[in-house]
N, C-alpha and C. Protein backbone atom coordinates (compact mmCIF):
# COMPACT_ATOMS: atom_id res chain seq x y z
N UNK A 1 -4.30 9.58 23.66
CA UNK A 1 -3.21 9.66 22.68
C UNK A 1 -3.32 8.55 21.64
N UNK A 2 -3.63 7.34 22.12
CA UNK A 2 -3.75 6.21 21.20
C UNK A 2 -4.95 6.40 20.27
N UNK A 3 -6.04 6.94 20.78
CA UNK A 3 -7.22 7.15 19.94
C UNK A 3 -6.94 8.14 18.81
N UNK A 4 -6.14 9.15 19.09
CA UNK A 4 -5.78 10.11 18.04
C UNK A 4 -4.95 9.43 16.96
N UNK A 5 -4.00 8.59 17.39
CA UNK A 5 -3.17 7.85 16.43
C UNK A 5 -4.00 6.90 15.59
N UNK A 6 -4.97 6.20 16.23
CA UNK A 6 -5.85 5.30 15.49
C UNK A 6 -6.69 6.07 14.48
N UNK A 7 -7.18 7.23 14.87
CA UNK A 7 -7.99 8.05 13.97
C UNK A 7 -7.16 8.52 12.78
N UNK A 8 -5.92 8.92 13.03
CA UNK A 8 -5.04 9.35 11.94
C UNK A 8 -4.78 8.19 10.99
N UNK A 9 -4.56 6.99 11.53
CA UNK A 9 -4.33 5.83 10.68
C UNK A 9 -5.56 5.49 9.85
N UNK A 10 -6.73 5.55 10.46
CA UNK A 10 -7.96 5.25 9.72
C UNK A 10 -8.21 6.28 8.62
N UNK A 11 -7.95 7.54 8.90
CA UNK A 11 -8.08 8.56 7.86
C UNK A 11 -7.05 8.35 6.76
N UNK A 12 -5.85 7.89 7.14
CA UNK A 12 -4.83 7.57 6.16
C UNK A 12 -5.25 6.42 5.25
N UNK A 13 -5.93 5.42 5.83
CA UNK A 13 -6.43 4.31 5.02
C UNK A 13 -7.45 4.78 4.00
N UNK A 14 -8.36 5.64 4.45
CA UNK A 14 -9.37 6.17 3.53
C UNK A 14 -8.71 7.02 2.45
N UNK A 15 -7.73 7.82 2.84
CA UNK A 15 -7.02 8.66 1.87
C UNK A 15 -6.28 7.80 0.84
N UNK A 16 -5.66 6.72 1.29
CA UNK A 16 -4.96 5.83 0.36
C UNK A 16 -5.94 5.17 -0.61
N UNK A 17 -7.08 4.75 -0.09
CA UNK A 17 -8.08 4.11 -0.95
C UNK A 17 -8.59 5.08 -2.01
N UNK A 18 -8.81 6.31 -1.63
CA UNK A 18 -9.27 7.31 -2.60
C UNK A 18 -8.16 7.67 -3.57
N UNK A 19 -6.94 7.81 -3.05
CA UNK A 19 -5.81 8.21 -3.90
C UNK A 19 -5.50 7.15 -4.95
N UNK A 20 -5.59 5.88 -4.59
CA UNK A 20 -5.29 4.83 -5.56
C UNK A 20 -6.37 4.80 -6.65
N UNK A 21 -7.58 5.22 -6.31
CA UNK A 21 -8.64 5.26 -7.32
C UNK A 21 -8.40 6.36 -8.35
N UNK A 22 -7.82 7.47 -7.93
CA UNK A 22 -7.61 8.59 -8.82
C UNK A 22 -6.21 8.65 -9.44
N UNK A 23 -5.34 7.75 -9.05
CA UNK A 23 -3.97 7.76 -9.56
C UNK A 23 -3.95 7.31 -11.03
N UNK A 24 -3.27 8.06 -11.84
CA UNK A 24 -3.21 7.76 -13.26
C UNK A 24 -2.02 6.87 -13.61
N UNK A 25 -0.98 6.88 -12.79
CA UNK A 25 0.20 6.08 -13.07
C UNK A 25 0.17 4.78 -12.25
N UNK A 26 0.49 3.70 -12.91
CA UNK A 26 0.45 2.40 -12.24
C UNK A 26 1.48 2.29 -11.13
N UNK A 27 2.64 2.85 -11.33
CA UNK A 27 3.69 2.79 -10.32
C UNK A 27 3.26 3.52 -9.05
N UNK A 28 2.63 4.67 -9.20
CA UNK A 28 2.12 5.39 -8.04
C UNK A 28 1.04 4.60 -7.31
N UNK A 29 0.21 3.90 -8.07
CA UNK A 29 -0.83 3.08 -7.47
C UNK A 29 -0.24 1.97 -6.61
N UNK A 30 0.84 1.37 -7.07
CA UNK A 30 1.49 0.31 -6.30
C UNK A 30 2.09 0.87 -5.01
N UNK A 31 2.71 2.03 -5.11
CA UNK A 31 3.30 2.64 -3.91
C UNK A 31 2.22 3.02 -2.90
N UNK A 32 1.10 3.50 -3.36
CA UNK A 32 -0.01 3.83 -2.46
C UNK A 32 -0.55 2.55 -1.83
N UNK A 33 -0.64 1.48 -2.62
CA UNK A 33 -1.10 0.20 -2.10
C UNK A 33 -0.16 -0.31 -1.02
N UNK A 34 1.15 -0.14 -1.21
CA UNK A 34 2.11 -0.55 -0.20
C UNK A 34 1.93 0.23 1.09
N UNK A 35 1.72 1.52 0.98
CA UNK A 35 1.52 2.33 2.18
C UNK A 35 0.22 1.95 2.88
N UNK A 36 -0.80 1.61 2.11
CA UNK A 36 -2.06 1.13 2.69
C UNK A 36 -1.83 -0.13 3.51
N UNK A 37 -1.07 -1.07 2.94
CA UNK A 37 -0.81 -2.33 3.64
C UNK A 37 0.02 -2.11 4.90
N UNK A 38 0.99 -1.21 4.84
CA UNK A 38 1.79 -0.93 6.03
C UNK A 38 0.97 -0.26 7.13
N UNK A 39 0.09 0.65 6.74
CA UNK A 39 -0.79 1.27 7.74
C UNK A 39 -1.74 0.24 8.35
N UNK A 40 -2.21 -0.67 7.51
CA UNK A 40 -3.11 -1.70 8.01
C UNK A 40 -2.38 -2.63 8.98
N UNK A 41 -1.11 -2.91 8.73
CA UNK A 41 -0.37 -3.76 9.66
C UNK A 41 -0.16 -3.06 11.01
N UNK A 42 0.03 -1.74 10.99
CA UNK A 42 0.13 -1.00 12.25
C UNK A 42 -1.20 -1.04 13.00
N UNK A 43 -2.29 -0.95 12.29
CA UNK A 43 -3.61 -1.04 12.92
C UNK A 43 -3.79 -2.42 13.54
N UNK A 44 -3.36 -3.47 12.87
CA UNK A 44 -3.45 -4.82 13.44
C UNK A 44 -2.63 -4.93 14.72
N UNK A 45 -1.50 -4.26 14.77
CA UNK A 45 -0.69 -4.27 16.00
C UNK A 45 -1.44 -3.56 17.12
N UNK A 46 -2.06 -2.42 16.80
CA UNK A 46 -2.82 -1.69 17.81
C UNK A 46 -4.02 -2.49 18.30
N UNK A 47 -4.56 -3.34 17.45
CA UNK A 47 -5.67 -4.19 17.84
C UNK A 47 -5.20 -5.48 18.53
N UNK A 48 -3.91 -5.52 18.85
CA UNK A 48 -3.29 -6.63 19.56
C UNK A 48 -3.44 -7.95 18.81
N UNK A 49 -3.16 -7.90 17.53
CA UNK A 49 -3.19 -9.08 16.70
C UNK A 49 -1.90 -9.14 15.87
N UNK A 50 -0.78 -9.52 16.54
CA UNK A 50 0.51 -9.46 15.85
C UNK A 50 0.65 -10.45 14.71
N UNK A 51 -0.05 -11.59 14.78
CA UNK A 51 0.04 -12.56 13.70
C UNK A 51 -0.53 -11.99 12.40
N UNK A 52 -1.65 -11.28 12.50
CA UNK A 52 -2.22 -10.65 11.31
C UNK A 52 -1.36 -9.49 10.82
N UNK A 53 -0.73 -8.79 11.76
CA UNK A 53 0.13 -7.67 11.38
C UNK A 53 1.33 -8.15 10.58
N UNK A 54 1.95 -9.23 11.02
CA UNK A 54 3.09 -9.78 10.29
C UNK A 54 2.66 -10.29 8.93
N UNK A 55 1.52 -10.96 8.88
CA UNK A 55 1.02 -11.46 7.60
C UNK A 55 0.70 -10.33 6.64
N UNK A 56 0.06 -9.28 7.15
CA UNK A 56 -0.27 -8.12 6.31
C UNK A 56 0.99 -7.45 5.78
N UNK A 57 1.98 -7.30 6.63
CA UNK A 57 3.23 -6.66 6.20
C UNK A 57 3.96 -7.53 5.18
N UNK A 58 4.00 -8.82 5.43
CA UNK A 58 4.74 -9.71 4.53
C UNK A 58 4.02 -9.91 3.21
N UNK A 59 2.75 -10.21 3.27
CA UNK A 59 2.00 -10.52 2.05
C UNK A 59 1.51 -9.25 1.37
N UNK A 60 0.86 -8.38 2.12
CA UNK A 60 0.27 -7.17 1.53
C UNK A 60 1.30 -6.21 0.99
N UNK A 61 2.25 -5.82 1.84
CA UNK A 61 3.24 -4.84 1.42
C UNK A 61 4.43 -5.48 0.73
N UNK A 62 4.72 -6.71 1.05
CA UNK A 62 5.91 -7.36 0.51
C UNK A 62 5.68 -8.12 -0.77
N UNK A 63 5.08 -9.29 -0.65
CA UNK A 63 4.97 -10.20 -1.79
C UNK A 63 4.07 -9.65 -2.89
N UNK A 64 2.90 -9.13 -2.50
CA UNK A 64 1.97 -8.63 -3.51
C UNK A 64 2.56 -7.45 -4.28
N UNK A 65 3.20 -6.54 -3.56
CA UNK A 65 3.81 -5.39 -4.24
C UNK A 65 4.95 -5.83 -5.15
N UNK A 66 5.72 -6.78 -4.70
CA UNK A 66 6.80 -7.31 -5.54
C UNK A 66 6.24 -7.94 -6.81
N UNK A 67 5.16 -8.70 -6.68
CA UNK A 67 4.52 -9.28 -7.86
C UNK A 67 3.98 -8.21 -8.80
N UNK A 68 3.42 -7.14 -8.24
CA UNK A 68 2.96 -6.02 -9.07
C UNK A 68 4.12 -5.39 -9.83
N UNK A 69 5.25 -5.15 -9.13
CA UNK A 69 6.42 -4.56 -9.79
C UNK A 69 6.94 -5.46 -10.91
N UNK A 70 7.01 -6.76 -10.66
CA UNK A 70 7.50 -7.69 -11.68
C UNK A 70 6.55 -7.71 -12.87
N UNK A 71 5.26 -7.68 -12.59
CA UNK A 71 4.28 -7.68 -13.69
C UNK A 71 4.41 -6.42 -14.54
N UNK A 72 4.55 -5.26 -13.89
CA UNK A 72 4.72 -4.03 -14.65
C UNK A 72 5.99 -4.05 -15.48
N UNK A 73 7.03 -4.65 -14.93
CA UNK A 73 8.29 -4.75 -15.66
C UNK A 73 8.14 -5.68 -16.88
N UNK A 74 7.41 -6.79 -16.68
CA UNK A 74 7.23 -7.76 -17.78
C UNK A 74 6.39 -7.18 -18.92
N UNK A 75 5.39 -6.39 -18.58
CA UNK A 75 4.55 -5.84 -19.65
C UNK A 75 5.09 -4.49 -20.13
N UNK A 76 6.27 -4.11 -19.64
CA UNK A 76 6.96 -2.89 -20.06
C UNK A 76 6.16 -1.64 -19.75
N UNK A 77 5.37 -1.67 -18.69
CA UNK A 77 4.58 -0.50 -18.32
C UNK A 77 5.43 0.53 -17.58
N UNK A 78 6.45 0.10 -16.87
CA UNK A 78 7.29 1.04 -16.13
C UNK A 78 8.11 1.89 -17.09
N UNK A 79 8.67 1.29 -18.12
CA UNK A 79 9.47 2.06 -19.08
C UNK A 79 8.62 3.06 -19.84
N UNK A 80 7.38 2.66 -20.17
CA UNK A 80 6.49 3.55 -20.90
C UNK A 80 6.11 4.76 -20.07
N UNK A 81 5.90 4.56 -18.77
CA UNK A 81 5.56 5.69 -17.90
C UNK A 81 6.74 6.65 -17.80
N UNK A 82 7.94 6.13 -17.75
CA UNK A 82 9.14 7.00 -17.67
C UNK A 82 9.35 7.77 -18.96
N UNK A 83 9.02 7.19 -20.10
CA UNK A 83 9.19 7.87 -21.38
C UNK A 83 8.19 9.00 -21.55
N UNK A 84 6.99 8.86 -20.94
CA UNK A 84 5.95 9.87 -21.06
C UNK A 84 6.31 11.16 -20.33
N UNK A 85 7.17 11.08 -19.33
CA UNK A 85 7.51 12.26 -18.54
C UNK A 85 8.42 13.13 -19.28
């Protein structure tokens, strides 16, 4: 059962990596990056490394994504994407 879950997570990581490469909108890329980091933190937990899992969740999905959102807001990229729709 655990091996199936690990395989699904690894396929999810590959899918996120490919999806972020083909994403045309910056906001979607950030959301995909966040999901990648969260999946990676679950993998760290399965590998019995909780310190890395907490760090990945806090830094990868938390702080880095927040900095990306702030940067997009500062350069007015989020408003431009909303106007294009």
